[in-house]
Amino acid sequence: MTAQTIVNVGYRSTNFWVVSVGRSRLLLDLGWPGMGAELLHNLERAGIPLAEIRYGFATHYHIDHAGAAQDLKARGMRLLVWEQQVAAIPAMKQHIKASDHYTEIVPQGNVVKRCDESRALLAELGIAGEVVPTPGHSDDSVSLVLDSGECFTGDLTMETMVGAEDAQVVAASWARLRALGARMVYAGHARPYAMPAAPSR
């Protein structure tokens, strides 16, 4: 049985995770705009050929998590978009400056799926897990939960740090992850940490 590995190829304070089973790989979060070369360099340094990445997807469409998506597509990566994220892609442009050198994400070639189709798709890669909606930080946020207990949450707000977000929406997203057996959190801007207990109400 081939072991599952998790490698961080992030830069500029943002984590980009590669989940691999042998040479079958999935990239979670897709670089900063205008900085696709840095992501490619980190992949190369980690011994991960871009050609072995079967799909890449963003946990949400903010510029630090999806800014290089079209550049990666141009190099052959298949962009996986979850159904609730489709409308968020063009909206991302309003936060882009000309100096960011952003390449606009076009719909052509994107693989659009529903989250309830994710388990079967991941199984084709040899990865046991599923993608679930986890709104809170943004309406289009999703998380990957592996059956082995790791979850990849992007920028999902921690329950103890809710500010402008809807606390009930955030709590429901974390409850969904716990219900699926998530034990270790791989976030967008932090080192991995153990799943915290639900705050007492």
N, C-alpha and C. Protein backbone atom coordinates (compact mmCIF):
# COMPACT_ATOMS: atom_id res chain seq x y z
N MET A 1 0.84 -1.19 0.00
CA MET A 1 0.00 0.00 0.00
C MET A 1 0.88 1.25 0.00
N THR A 2 0.63 2.18 -0.91
CA THR A 2 1.45 3.37 -1.02
C THR A 2 1.08 4.37 0.06
N ALA A 3 2.10 4.92 0.72
CA ALA A 3 1.86 5.84 1.82
C ALA A 3 1.38 7.19 1.29
N GLN A 4 0.55 7.83 2.06
CA GLN A 4 0.08 9.18 1.75
C GLN A 4 1.06 10.19 2.35
N THR A 5 1.38 11.23 1.61
CA THR A 5 2.26 12.28 2.12
C THR A 5 1.61 13.64 1.95
N ILE A 6 2.05 14.57 2.78
CA ILE A 6 1.58 15.96 2.72
C ILE A 6 2.82 16.85 2.73
N VAL A 7 2.93 17.71 1.73
CA VAL A 7 4.09 18.60 1.60
C VAL A 7 3.59 20.03 1.44
N ASN A 8 4.21 20.94 2.16
CA ASN A 8 3.90 22.37 2.04
C ASN A 8 4.85 23.00 1.03
N VAL A 9 4.30 23.57 -0.03
CA VAL A 9 5.11 24.25 -1.05
C VAL A 9 4.79 25.75 -1.05
N GLY A 10 4.41 26.26 0.11
CA GLY A 10 3.97 27.64 0.21
C GLY A 10 5.11 28.65 0.23
N TYR A 11 4.72 29.90 0.14
CA TYR A 11 5.65 31.04 0.21
C TYR A 11 4.85 32.27 0.58
N ARG A 12 5.56 33.32 0.97
CA ARG A 12 4.95 34.60 1.31
C ARG A 12 3.85 34.43 2.35
N SER A 13 4.13 33.66 3.38
CA SER A 13 3.26 33.44 4.55
C SER A 13 1.98 32.67 4.25
N THR A 14 1.86 32.12 3.04
CA THR A 14 0.67 31.33 2.69
C THR A 14 1.09 29.89 2.41
N ASN A 15 0.36 28.95 2.96
CA ASN A 15 0.65 27.53 2.75
C ASN A 15 -0.10 27.02 1.52
N PHE A 16 0.61 26.27 0.70
CA PHE A 16 0.00 25.56 -0.42
C PHE A 16 0.38 24.09 -0.24
N TRP A 17 -0.61 23.24 -0.09
CA TRP A 17 -0.38 21.86 0.31
C TRP A 17 -0.49 20.91 -0.88
N VAL A 18 0.43 19.96 -0.96
CA VAL A 18 0.35 18.88 -1.94
C VAL A 18 0.09 17.58 -1.18
N VAL A 19 -1.04 16.96 -1.47
CA VAL A 19 -1.38 15.65 -0.91
C VAL A 19 -1.08 14.62 -1.99
N SER A 20 -0.25 13.63 -1.65
CA SER A 20 0.19 12.65 -2.64
C SER A 20 -0.03 11.23 -2.15
N VAL A 21 -0.39 10.37 -3.07
CA VAL A 21 -0.33 8.93 -2.87
C VAL A 21 0.52 8.42 -4.03
N GLY A 22 1.76 8.12 -3.74
CA GLY A 22 2.70 7.81 -4.81
C GLY A 22 2.88 9.04 -5.70
N ARG A 23 2.68 8.86 -6.99
CA ARG A 23 2.82 9.98 -7.93
C ARG A 23 1.48 10.59 -8.33
N SER A 24 0.45 10.21 -7.61
CA SER A 24 -0.87 10.80 -7.83
C SER A 24 -1.04 11.91 -6.81
N ARG A 25 -1.15 13.16 -7.29
CA ARG A 25 -1.04 14.29 -6.40
C ARG A 25 -2.17 15.30 -6.60
N LEU A 26 -2.48 15.99 -5.50
CA LEU A 26 -3.51 17.02 -5.47
C LEU A 26 -2.90 18.26 -4.83
N LEU A 27 -3.07 19.42 -5.48
CA LEU A 27 -2.55 20.68 -4.96
C LEU A 27 -3.71 21.49 -4.38
N LEU A 28 -3.57 21.89 -3.12
CA LEU A 28 -4.58 22.70 -2.46
C LEU A 28 -4.05 24.12 -2.28
N ASP A 29 -4.72 25.04 -2.91
CA ASP A 29 -4.42 26.46 -2.98
C ASP A 29 -3.27 26.70 -3.95
N LEU A 30 -3.40 27.85 -4.65
CA LEU A 30 -2.78 27.93 -5.98
C LEU A 30 -1.94 29.18 -6.20
N GLY A 31 -1.34 29.69 -5.16
CA GLY A 31 -0.35 30.72 -5.34
C GLY A 31 -0.87 32.15 -5.40
N TRP A 32 0.06 33.07 -5.25
CA TRP A 32 -0.21 34.49 -5.34
C TRP A 32 -0.19 34.94 -6.80
N PRO A 33 -0.94 36.00 -7.15
CA PRO A 33 -0.91 36.49 -8.53
C PRO A 33 0.49 36.97 -8.91
N GLY A 34 0.87 36.66 -10.14
CA GLY A 34 2.17 37.08 -10.64
C GLY A 34 3.35 36.34 -10.04
N MET A 35 3.07 35.33 -9.20
CA MET A 35 4.14 34.62 -8.51
C MET A 35 4.06 33.12 -8.72
N GLY A 36 3.52 32.72 -9.88
CA GLY A 36 3.45 31.30 -10.18
C GLY A 36 4.82 30.65 -10.25
N ALA A 37 5.83 31.41 -10.66
CA ALA A 37 7.19 30.86 -10.77
C ALA A 37 7.71 30.41 -9.41
N GLU A 38 7.36 31.15 -8.36
CA GLU A 38 7.81 30.77 -7.01
C GLU A 38 7.18 29.44 -6.60
N LEU A 39 5.91 29.27 -6.93
CA LEU A 39 5.25 28.01 -6.60
C LEU A 39 5.88 26.86 -7.39
N LEU A 40 6.13 27.07 -8.65
CA LEU A 40 6.77 26.03 -9.47
C LEU A 40 8.16 25.70 -8.94
N HIS A 41 8.88 26.71 -8.49
CA HIS A 41 10.21 26.47 -7.92
C HIS A 41 10.12 25.63 -6.66
N ASN A 42 9.13 25.93 -5.80
CA ASN A 42 8.99 25.15 -4.58
C ASN A 42 8.56 23.72 -4.86
N LEU A 43 7.73 23.54 -5.88
CA LEU A 43 7.37 22.18 -6.29
C LEU A 43 8.61 21.42 -6.76
N GLU A 44 9.41 22.08 -7.58
CA GLU A 44 10.62 21.43 -8.09
C GLU A 44 11.58 21.09 -6.96
N ARG A 45 11.74 22.03 -6.03
CA ARG A 45 12.64 21.80 -4.90
C ARG A 45 12.17 20.64 -4.03
N ALA A 46 10.84 20.43 -3.97
CA ALA A 46 10.29 19.32 -3.20
C ALA A 46 10.26 18.02 -3.99
N GLY A 47 10.73 18.05 -5.24
CA GLY A 47 10.72 16.85 -6.06
C GLY A 47 9.35 16.47 -6.56
N ILE A 48 8.50 17.46 -6.78
CA ILE A 48 7.13 17.21 -7.22
C ILE A 48 6.94 17.82 -8.60
N PRO A 49 6.95 17.02 -9.65
CA PRO A 49 6.72 17.56 -11.00
C PRO A 49 5.28 18.04 -11.13
N LEU A 50 5.10 19.20 -11.75
CA LEU A 50 3.75 19.71 -11.97
C LEU A 50 2.91 18.70 -12.75
N ALA A 51 3.54 17.95 -13.65
CA ALA A 51 2.82 16.98 -14.46
C ALA A 51 2.19 15.87 -13.63
N GLU A 52 2.67 15.66 -12.41
CA GLU A 52 2.10 14.63 -11.54
C GLU A 52 0.93 15.13 -10.71
N ILE A 53 0.67 16.43 -10.75
CA ILE A 53 -0.48 16.98 -10.03
C ILE A 53 -1.72 16.75 -10.89
N ARG A 54 -2.59 15.89 -10.43
CA ARG A 54 -3.77 15.52 -11.22
C ARG A 54 -4.79 16.64 -11.27
N TYR A 55 -4.95 17.33 -10.13
CA TYR A 55 -5.84 18.48 -10.04
C TYR A 55 -5.26 19.47 -9.04
N GLY A 56 -5.63 20.74 -9.20
CA GLY A 56 -5.40 21.75 -8.18
C GLY A 56 -6.71 22.44 -7.90
N PHE A 57 -6.95 22.78 -6.64
CA PHE A 57 -8.13 23.59 -6.35
C PHE A 57 -7.85 24.57 -5.22
N ALA A 58 -8.63 25.64 -5.22
CA ALA A 58 -8.51 26.67 -4.19
C ALA A 58 -9.53 26.41 -3.09
N THR A 59 -9.11 26.61 -1.85
CA THR A 59 -10.07 26.50 -0.75
C THR A 59 -11.06 27.65 -0.82
N HIS A 60 -10.66 28.77 -1.43
CA HIS A 60 -11.55 29.90 -1.66
C HIS A 60 -10.84 30.85 -2.61
N TYR A 61 -11.63 31.70 -3.25
CA TYR A 61 -11.07 32.55 -4.30
C TYR A 61 -10.74 33.95 -3.79
N HIS A 62 -9.67 33.98 -2.97
CA HIS A 62 -8.99 35.21 -2.60
C HIS A 62 -7.61 35.17 -3.24
N ILE A 63 -7.02 36.35 -3.44
CA ILE A 63 -5.83 36.42 -4.31
C ILE A 63 -4.64 35.63 -3.78
N ASP A 64 -4.52 35.45 -2.47
CA ASP A 64 -3.37 34.73 -1.94
C ASP A 64 -3.57 33.22 -1.98
N HIS A 65 -4.74 32.77 -2.39
CA HIS A 65 -5.01 31.33 -2.45
C HIS A 65 -5.30 30.84 -3.87
N ALA A 66 -5.57 31.76 -4.78
CA ALA A 66 -5.93 31.35 -6.14
C ALA A 66 -5.33 32.25 -7.21
N GLY A 67 -4.39 33.10 -6.82
CA GLY A 67 -3.89 34.11 -7.73
C GLY A 67 -3.12 33.60 -8.93
N ALA A 68 -2.51 32.44 -8.81
CA ALA A 68 -1.72 31.89 -9.92
C ALA A 68 -2.43 30.74 -10.62
N ALA A 69 -3.73 30.58 -10.39
CA ALA A 69 -4.46 29.43 -10.92
C ALA A 69 -4.38 29.35 -12.44
N GLN A 70 -4.62 30.45 -13.13
CA GLN A 70 -4.60 30.41 -14.60
C GLN A 70 -3.19 30.16 -15.13
N ASP A 71 -2.19 30.67 -14.45
CA ASP A 71 -0.80 30.40 -14.87
C ASP A 71 -0.48 28.91 -14.77
N LEU A 72 -0.98 28.27 -13.72
CA LEU A 72 -0.78 26.83 -13.57
C LEU A 72 -1.57 26.06 -14.62
N LYS A 73 -2.79 26.53 -14.92
CA LYS A 73 -3.57 25.90 -15.99
C LYS A 73 -2.80 25.96 -17.31
N ALA A 74 -2.17 27.10 -17.58
CA ALA A 74 -1.43 27.26 -18.84
C ALA A 74 -0.28 26.28 -18.94
N ARG A 75 0.18 25.78 -17.81
CA ARG A 75 1.27 24.79 -17.79
C ARG A 75 0.76 23.37 -17.69
N GLY A 76 -0.57 23.21 -17.80
CA GLY A 76 -1.13 21.86 -17.88
C GLY A 76 -1.89 21.37 -16.68
N MET A 77 -1.93 22.16 -15.59
CA MET A 77 -2.67 21.71 -14.41
C MET A 77 -4.18 21.80 -14.66
N ARG A 78 -4.92 20.81 -14.24
CA ARG A 78 -6.38 20.83 -14.34
C ARG A 78 -6.94 21.54 -13.11
N LEU A 79 -7.69 22.62 -13.33
CA LEU A 79 -8.26 23.39 -12.23
C LEU A 79 -9.62 22.82 -11.87
N LEU A 80 -9.72 22.38 -10.63
CA LEU A 80 -10.95 21.82 -10.10
C LEU A 80 -11.68 22.94 -9.34
N VAL A 81 -12.90 23.22 -9.76
CA VAL A 81 -13.69 24.28 -9.15
C VAL A 81 -14.95 23.67 -8.57
N TRP A 82 -15.24 23.97 -7.31
CA TRP A 82 -16.45 23.46 -6.68
C TRP A 82 -17.60 24.37 -7.03
N GLU A 83 -18.75 23.79 -7.18
CA GLU A 83 -19.90 24.47 -7.76
C GLU A 83 -20.18 25.83 -7.10
N GLN A 84 -20.06 25.89 -5.77
CA GLN A 84 -20.38 27.14 -5.07
C GLN A 84 -19.28 28.19 -5.23
N GLN A 85 -18.18 27.83 -5.90
CA GLN A 85 -17.08 28.78 -6.10
C GLN A 85 -17.14 29.49 -7.46
N VAL A 86 -17.97 29.03 -8.35
CA VAL A 86 -17.95 29.54 -9.72
C VAL A 86 -18.13 31.05 -9.76
N ALA A 87 -19.10 31.56 -9.01
CA ALA A 87 -19.37 33.00 -9.03
C ALA A 87 -18.28 33.81 -8.34
N ALA A 88 -17.50 33.18 -7.46
CA ALA A 88 -16.46 33.90 -6.73
C ALA A 88 -15.23 34.18 -7.59
N ILE A 89 -15.06 33.44 -8.67
CA ILE A 89 -13.86 33.60 -9.48
C ILE A 89 -13.80 34.99 -10.13
N PRO A 90 -14.82 35.42 -10.88
CA PRO A 90 -14.74 36.76 -11.46
C PRO A 90 -14.73 37.87 -10.41
N ALA A 91 -15.36 37.63 -9.26
CA ALA A 91 -15.40 38.63 -8.19
C ALA A 91 -14.01 38.90 -7.61
N MET A 92 -13.11 37.94 -7.74
CA MET A 92 -11.77 38.11 -7.19
C MET A 92 -11.03 39.28 -7.83
N LYS A 93 -11.37 39.60 -9.07
CA LYS A 93 -10.66 40.66 -9.79
C LYS A 93 -10.75 42.02 -9.12
N GLN A 94 -11.80 42.26 -8.36
CA GLN A 94 -11.96 43.58 -7.73
C GLN A 94 -10.89 43.86 -6.69
N HIS A 95 -10.18 42.83 -6.26
CA HIS A 95 -9.12 43.01 -5.26
C HIS A 95 -7.73 42.99 -5.88
N ILE A 96 -7.66 42.96 -7.21
CA ILE A 96 -6.39 42.87 -7.92
C ILE A 96 -5.95 44.26 -8.37
N LYS A 97 -4.67 44.55 -8.18
CA LYS A 97 -4.08 45.78 -8.70
C LYS A 97 -3.25 45.44 -9.95
N ALA A 98 -3.03 46.43 -10.80
CA ALA A 98 -2.25 46.20 -12.01
C ALA A 98 -0.86 45.68 -11.68
N SER A 99 -0.31 46.13 -10.57
CA SER A 99 1.04 45.71 -10.18
C SER A 99 1.11 44.25 -9.73
N ASP A 100 -0.06 43.62 -9.55
CA ASP A 100 -0.07 42.21 -9.13
C ASP A 100 0.26 41.25 -10.28
N HIS A 101 0.12 41.74 -11.53
CA HIS A 101 0.39 40.91 -12.71
C HIS A 101 -0.45 39.64 -12.70
N TYR A 102 -1.71 39.82 -12.39
CA TYR A 102 -2.65 38.70 -12.31
C TYR A 102 -3.08 38.25 -13.69
N THR A 103 -3.11 36.94 -13.90
CA THR A 103 -3.67 36.36 -15.12
C THR A 103 -5.09 35.91 -14.81
N GLU A 104 -6.05 36.50 -15.51
CA GLU A 104 -7.45 36.23 -15.22
C GLU A 104 -7.80 34.76 -15.44
N ILE A 105 -8.55 34.21 -14.49
CA ILE A 105 -8.98 32.82 -14.61
C ILE A 105 -10.17 32.75 -15.56
N VAL A 106 -10.03 31.95 -16.59
CA VAL A 106 -11.11 31.80 -17.56
C VAL A 106 -11.80 30.46 -17.32
N PRO A 107 -13.10 30.35 -17.66
CA PRO A 107 -13.82 29.10 -17.39
C PRO A 107 -13.41 27.94 -18.27
N GLN A 108 -12.87 28.23 -19.46
CA GLN A 108 -12.49 27.15 -20.37
C GLN A 108 -11.47 26.22 -19.71
N GLY A 109 -11.79 24.95 -19.73
CA GLY A 109 -10.87 23.95 -19.18
C GLY A 109 -11.07 23.65 -17.71
N ASN A 110 -11.85 24.46 -17.01
CA ASN A 110 -12.09 24.19 -15.59
C ASN A 110 -12.98 22.95 -15.43
N VAL A 111 -12.69 22.18 -14.41
CA VAL A 111 -13.50 21.00 -14.08
C VAL A 111 -14.39 21.38 -12.91
N VAL A 112 -15.68 21.55 -13.16
CA VAL A 112 -16.61 21.99 -12.13
C VAL A 112 -17.33 20.78 -11.55
N LYS A 113 -17.28 20.65 -10.23
CA LYS A 113 -17.90 19.52 -9.55
C LYS A 113 -18.68 20.00 -8.33
N ARG A 114 -19.63 19.19 -7.90
CA ARG A 114 -20.29 19.40 -6.62
C ARG A 114 -19.47 18.74 -5.52
N CYS A 115 -19.55 19.28 -4.33
CA CYS A 115 -18.81 18.68 -3.22
C CYS A 115 -19.23 17.24 -2.97
N ASP A 116 -20.52 16.92 -3.21
CA ASP A 116 -20.94 15.55 -2.97
C ASP A 116 -20.41 14.56 -4.01
N GLU A 117 -19.71 15.06 -5.01
CA GLU A 117 -19.02 14.21 -5.98
C GLU A 117 -17.55 14.03 -5.64
N SER A 118 -17.10 14.70 -4.59
CA SER A 118 -15.66 14.75 -4.33
C SER A 118 -15.06 13.42 -3.89
N ARG A 119 -15.80 12.64 -3.11
CA ARG A 119 -15.21 11.39 -2.63
C ARG A 119 -14.88 10.46 -3.80
N ALA A 120 -15.76 10.35 -4.75
CA ALA A 120 -15.50 9.48 -5.89
C ALA A 120 -14.34 10.01 -6.73
N LEU A 121 -14.28 11.33 -6.90
CA LEU A 121 -13.19 11.91 -7.69
C LEU A 121 -11.84 11.69 -6.99
N LEU A 122 -11.80 11.92 -5.69
CA LEU A 122 -10.55 11.72 -4.95
C LEU A 122 -10.13 10.25 -4.97
N ALA A 123 -11.11 9.35 -4.93
CA ALA A 123 -10.78 7.92 -4.96
C ALA A 123 -10.05 7.55 -6.24
N GLU A 124 -10.36 8.25 -7.34
CA GLU A 124 -9.64 8.00 -8.59
C GLU A 124 -8.16 8.34 -8.46
N LEU A 125 -7.83 9.23 -7.52
CA LEU A 125 -6.45 9.61 -7.28
C LEU A 125 -5.80 8.74 -6.21
N GLY A 126 -6.58 7.84 -5.62
CA GLY A 126 -6.08 7.02 -4.53
C GLY A 126 -6.12 7.71 -3.19
N ILE A 127 -6.86 8.84 -3.11
CA ILE A 127 -6.96 9.63 -1.89
C ILE A 127 -8.33 9.38 -1.27
N ALA A 128 -8.34 8.99 0.01
CA ALA A 128 -9.58 8.72 0.72
C ALA A 128 -9.98 9.95 1.51
N GLY A 129 -11.07 10.57 1.11
CA GLY A 129 -11.53 11.77 1.80
C GLY A 129 -12.63 12.44 1.01
N GLU A 130 -13.00 13.64 1.46
CA GLU A 130 -14.03 14.38 0.74
C GLU A 130 -13.86 15.88 0.97
N VAL A 131 -14.45 16.64 0.08
CA VAL A 131 -14.45 18.10 0.16
C VAL A 131 -15.84 18.53 0.61
N VAL A 132 -15.87 19.45 1.59
CA VAL A 132 -17.15 19.91 2.13
C VAL A 132 -17.17 21.43 2.18
N PRO A 133 -18.34 22.02 2.03
CA PRO A 133 -18.45 23.47 2.19
C PRO A 133 -18.17 23.87 3.64
N THR A 134 -17.34 24.89 3.81
CA THR A 134 -17.06 25.41 5.15
C THR A 134 -17.06 26.94 5.11
N PRO A 135 -18.23 27.53 4.87
CA PRO A 135 -18.30 28.99 4.86
C PRO A 135 -17.99 29.55 6.24
N GLY A 136 -17.69 30.82 6.25
CA GLY A 136 -17.33 31.49 7.49
C GLY A 136 -16.40 32.62 7.17
N HIS A 137 -15.23 32.28 6.64
CA HIS A 137 -14.30 33.30 6.14
C HIS A 137 -14.84 33.91 4.86
N SER A 138 -15.38 33.06 3.99
CA SER A 138 -16.03 33.50 2.75
C SER A 138 -17.10 32.49 2.40
N ASP A 139 -18.07 32.92 1.61
CA ASP A 139 -19.18 32.03 1.26
C ASP A 139 -18.73 30.86 0.39
N ASP A 140 -17.64 31.03 -0.36
CA ASP A 140 -17.19 29.99 -1.29
C ASP A 140 -16.16 29.04 -0.68
N SER A 141 -15.88 29.18 0.60
CA SER A 141 -14.82 28.37 1.22
C SER A 141 -15.22 26.90 1.31
N VAL A 142 -14.25 26.05 1.01
CA VAL A 142 -14.40 24.61 1.17
C VAL A 142 -13.18 24.06 1.91
N SER A 143 -13.33 22.89 2.48
CA SER A 143 -12.22 22.21 3.14
C SER A 143 -12.15 20.76 2.66
N LEU A 144 -10.93 20.26 2.60
CA LEU A 144 -10.70 18.84 2.31
C LEU A 144 -10.49 18.11 3.63
N VAL A 145 -11.24 17.04 3.84
CA VAL A 145 -11.08 16.21 5.03
C VAL A 145 -10.67 14.81 4.58
N LEU A 146 -9.49 14.38 5.01
CA LEU A 146 -9.02 13.04 4.68
C LEU A 146 -9.52 12.04 5.72
N ASP A 147 -9.75 10.83 5.29
CA ASP A 147 -10.22 9.80 6.21
C ASP A 147 -9.19 9.51 7.30
N SER A 148 -7.92 9.86 7.05
CA SER A 148 -6.86 9.66 8.03
C SER A 148 -6.85 10.75 9.10
N GLY A 149 -7.73 11.76 8.98
CA GLY A 149 -7.89 12.74 10.05
C GLY A 149 -7.38 14.13 9.78
N GLU A 150 -6.66 14.33 8.67
CA GLU A 150 -6.16 15.66 8.35
C GLU A 150 -7.25 16.46 7.63
N CYS A 151 -7.35 17.75 7.94
CA CYS A 151 -8.26 18.60 7.21
C CYS A 151 -7.54 19.88 6.79
N PHE A 152 -7.88 20.35 5.59
CA PHE A 152 -7.23 21.50 4.98
C PHE A 152 -8.29 22.59 4.86
N THR A 153 -8.12 23.66 5.63
CA THR A 153 -9.22 24.58 5.88
C THR A 153 -9.05 25.96 5.24
N GLY A 154 -7.96 26.19 4.54
CA GLY A 154 -7.76 27.52 3.97
C GLY A 154 -7.75 28.56 5.07
N ASP A 155 -8.65 29.54 4.98
CA ASP A 155 -8.69 30.62 5.96
C ASP A 155 -9.93 30.55 6.86
N LEU A 156 -10.50 29.37 7.03
CA LEU A 156 -11.66 29.25 7.91
C LEU A 156 -11.33 29.84 9.28
N THR A 157 -12.11 30.80 9.70
CA THR A 157 -11.87 31.50 10.96
C THR A 157 -12.00 30.55 12.14
N MET A 158 -11.04 30.63 13.06
CA MET A 158 -11.15 29.83 14.27
C MET A 158 -12.32 30.33 15.11
N GLU A 159 -12.97 29.42 15.80
CA GLU A 159 -14.16 29.78 16.57
C GLU A 159 -13.86 30.78 17.67
N THR A 160 -12.65 30.77 18.17
CA THR A 160 -12.27 31.69 19.24
C THR A 160 -11.80 33.04 18.71
N MET A 161 -11.81 33.22 17.39
CA MET A 161 -11.30 34.46 16.80
C MET A 161 -12.30 35.11 15.86
N VAL A 162 -13.57 34.82 16.04
CA VAL A 162 -14.61 35.38 15.18
C VAL A 162 -14.71 36.89 15.41
N GLY A 163 -14.69 37.63 14.31
CA GLY A 163 -14.85 39.08 14.38
C GLY A 163 -16.10 39.49 13.65
N ALA A 164 -15.90 39.91 12.38
CA ALA A 164 -17.05 40.34 11.56
C ALA A 164 -17.85 39.16 11.02
N GLU A 165 -17.29 37.96 11.11
CA GLU A 165 -17.97 36.79 10.55
C GLU A 165 -19.20 36.42 11.38
N ASP A 166 -20.05 35.61 10.79
CA ASP A 166 -21.22 35.09 11.49
C ASP A 166 -20.76 33.90 12.35
N ALA A 167 -20.82 34.05 13.66
CA ALA A 167 -20.30 33.03 14.56
C ALA A 167 -21.00 31.69 14.39
N GLN A 168 -22.31 31.72 14.09
CA GLN A 168 -23.04 30.46 13.93
C GLN A 168 -22.60 29.73 12.66
N VAL A 169 -22.33 30.48 11.60
CA VAL A 169 -21.86 29.87 10.35
C VAL A 169 -20.48 29.25 10.57
N VAL A 170 -19.60 29.98 11.24
CA VAL A 170 -18.25 29.47 11.53
C VAL A 170 -18.34 28.20 12.38
N ALA A 171 -19.16 28.24 13.44
CA ALA A 171 -19.29 27.08 14.32
C ALA A 171 -19.83 25.87 13.56
N ALA A 172 -20.78 26.09 12.65
CA ALA A 172 -21.34 24.97 11.89
C ALA A 172 -20.29 24.35 10.98
N SER A 173 -19.41 25.18 10.42
CA SER A 173 -18.35 24.64 9.55
C SER A 173 -17.37 23.79 10.35
N TRP A 174 -16.96 24.26 11.52
CA TRP A 174 -16.06 23.46 12.36
C TRP A 174 -16.76 22.18 12.84
N ALA A 175 -18.04 22.27 13.16
CA ALA A 175 -18.78 21.08 13.59
C ALA A 175 -18.82 20.04 12.47
N ARG A 176 -18.95 20.51 11.23
CA ARG A 176 -18.95 19.59 10.09
C ARG A 176 -17.61 18.86 9.99
N LEU A 177 -16.52 19.58 10.19
CA LEU A 177 -15.20 18.95 10.11
C LEU A 177 -15.01 17.93 11.23
N ARG A 178 -15.42 18.28 12.43
CA ARG A 178 -15.29 17.34 13.56
C ARG A 178 -16.14 16.09 13.33
N ALA A 179 -17.32 16.28 12.77
CA ALA A 179 -18.21 15.14 12.52
C ALA A 179 -17.62 14.16 11.52
N LEU A 180 -16.76 14.67 10.65
CA LEU A 180 -16.11 13.81 9.65
C LEU A 180 -14.82 13.19 10.17
N GLY A 181 -14.50 13.43 11.43
CA GLY A 181 -13.33 12.80 12.04
C GLY A 181 -12.04 13.57 11.90
N ALA A 182 -12.10 14.86 11.58
CA ALA A 182 -10.88 15.66 11.43
C ALA A 182 -10.18 15.78 12.78
N ARG A 183 -8.88 15.51 12.78
CA ARG A 183 -8.10 15.57 14.02
C ARG A 183 -6.91 16.53 13.94
N MET A 184 -6.46 16.86 12.73
CA MET A 184 -5.31 17.75 12.56
C MET A 184 -5.67 18.77 11.49
N VAL A 185 -5.41 20.04 11.79
CA VAL A 185 -5.80 21.14 10.91
C VAL A 185 -4.58 21.65 10.14
N TYR A 186 -4.71 21.69 8.83
CA TYR A 186 -3.69 22.27 7.94
C TYR A 186 -4.30 23.55 7.37
N ALA A 187 -3.96 24.66 7.97
CA ALA A 187 -4.58 25.94 7.62
C ALA A 187 -3.74 26.70 6.59
N GLY A 188 -4.29 27.81 6.13
CA GLY A 188 -3.63 28.57 5.09
C GLY A 188 -2.47 29.42 5.56
N HIS A 189 -2.45 29.77 6.85
CA HIS A 189 -1.43 30.71 7.33
C HIS A 189 -0.91 30.32 8.71
N ALA A 190 -0.80 29.04 8.97
CA ALA A 190 -0.31 28.58 10.27
C ALA A 190 0.31 27.21 10.11
N ARG A 191 1.10 26.82 11.09
CA ARG A 191 1.60 25.45 11.12
C ARG A 191 0.44 24.50 11.46
N PRO A 192 0.53 23.25 11.05
CA PRO A 192 -0.53 22.30 11.41
C PRO A 192 -0.72 22.24 12.93
N TYR A 193 -1.97 22.11 13.33
CA TYR A 193 -2.28 22.04 14.76
C TYR A 193 -3.42 21.06 14.99
N ALA A 194 -3.47 20.53 16.22
CA ALA A 194 -4.52 19.57 16.56
C ALA A 194 -5.88 20.25 16.54
N MET A 195 -6.87 19.53 16.08
CA MET A 195 -8.23 20.05 16.05
C MET A 195 -8.65 20.51 17.44
N PRO A 196 -8.99 21.78 17.59
CA PRO A 196 -9.41 22.25 18.92
C PRO A 196 -10.80 21.74 19.28
N ALA A 197 -11.03 21.61 20.54
CA ALA A 197 -12.37 21.24 21.01
C ALA A 197 -13.33 22.39 20.74
N ALA A 198 -14.57 22.07 20.55
CA ALA A 198 -15.59 23.11 20.36
C ALA A 198 -15.67 23.97 21.61
N PRO A 199 -15.68 25.29 21.45
CA PRO A 199 -15.78 26.17 22.63
C PRO A 199 -17.08 25.89 23.39
N SER A 200 -17.01 25.99 24.69
CA SER A 200 -18.23 25.83 25.50
C SER A 200 -19.11 27.07 25.31
N ARG A 201 -20.37 26.86 25.22
CA ARG A 201 -21.32 27.96 24.97
C ARG A 201 -21.95 28.44 26.28
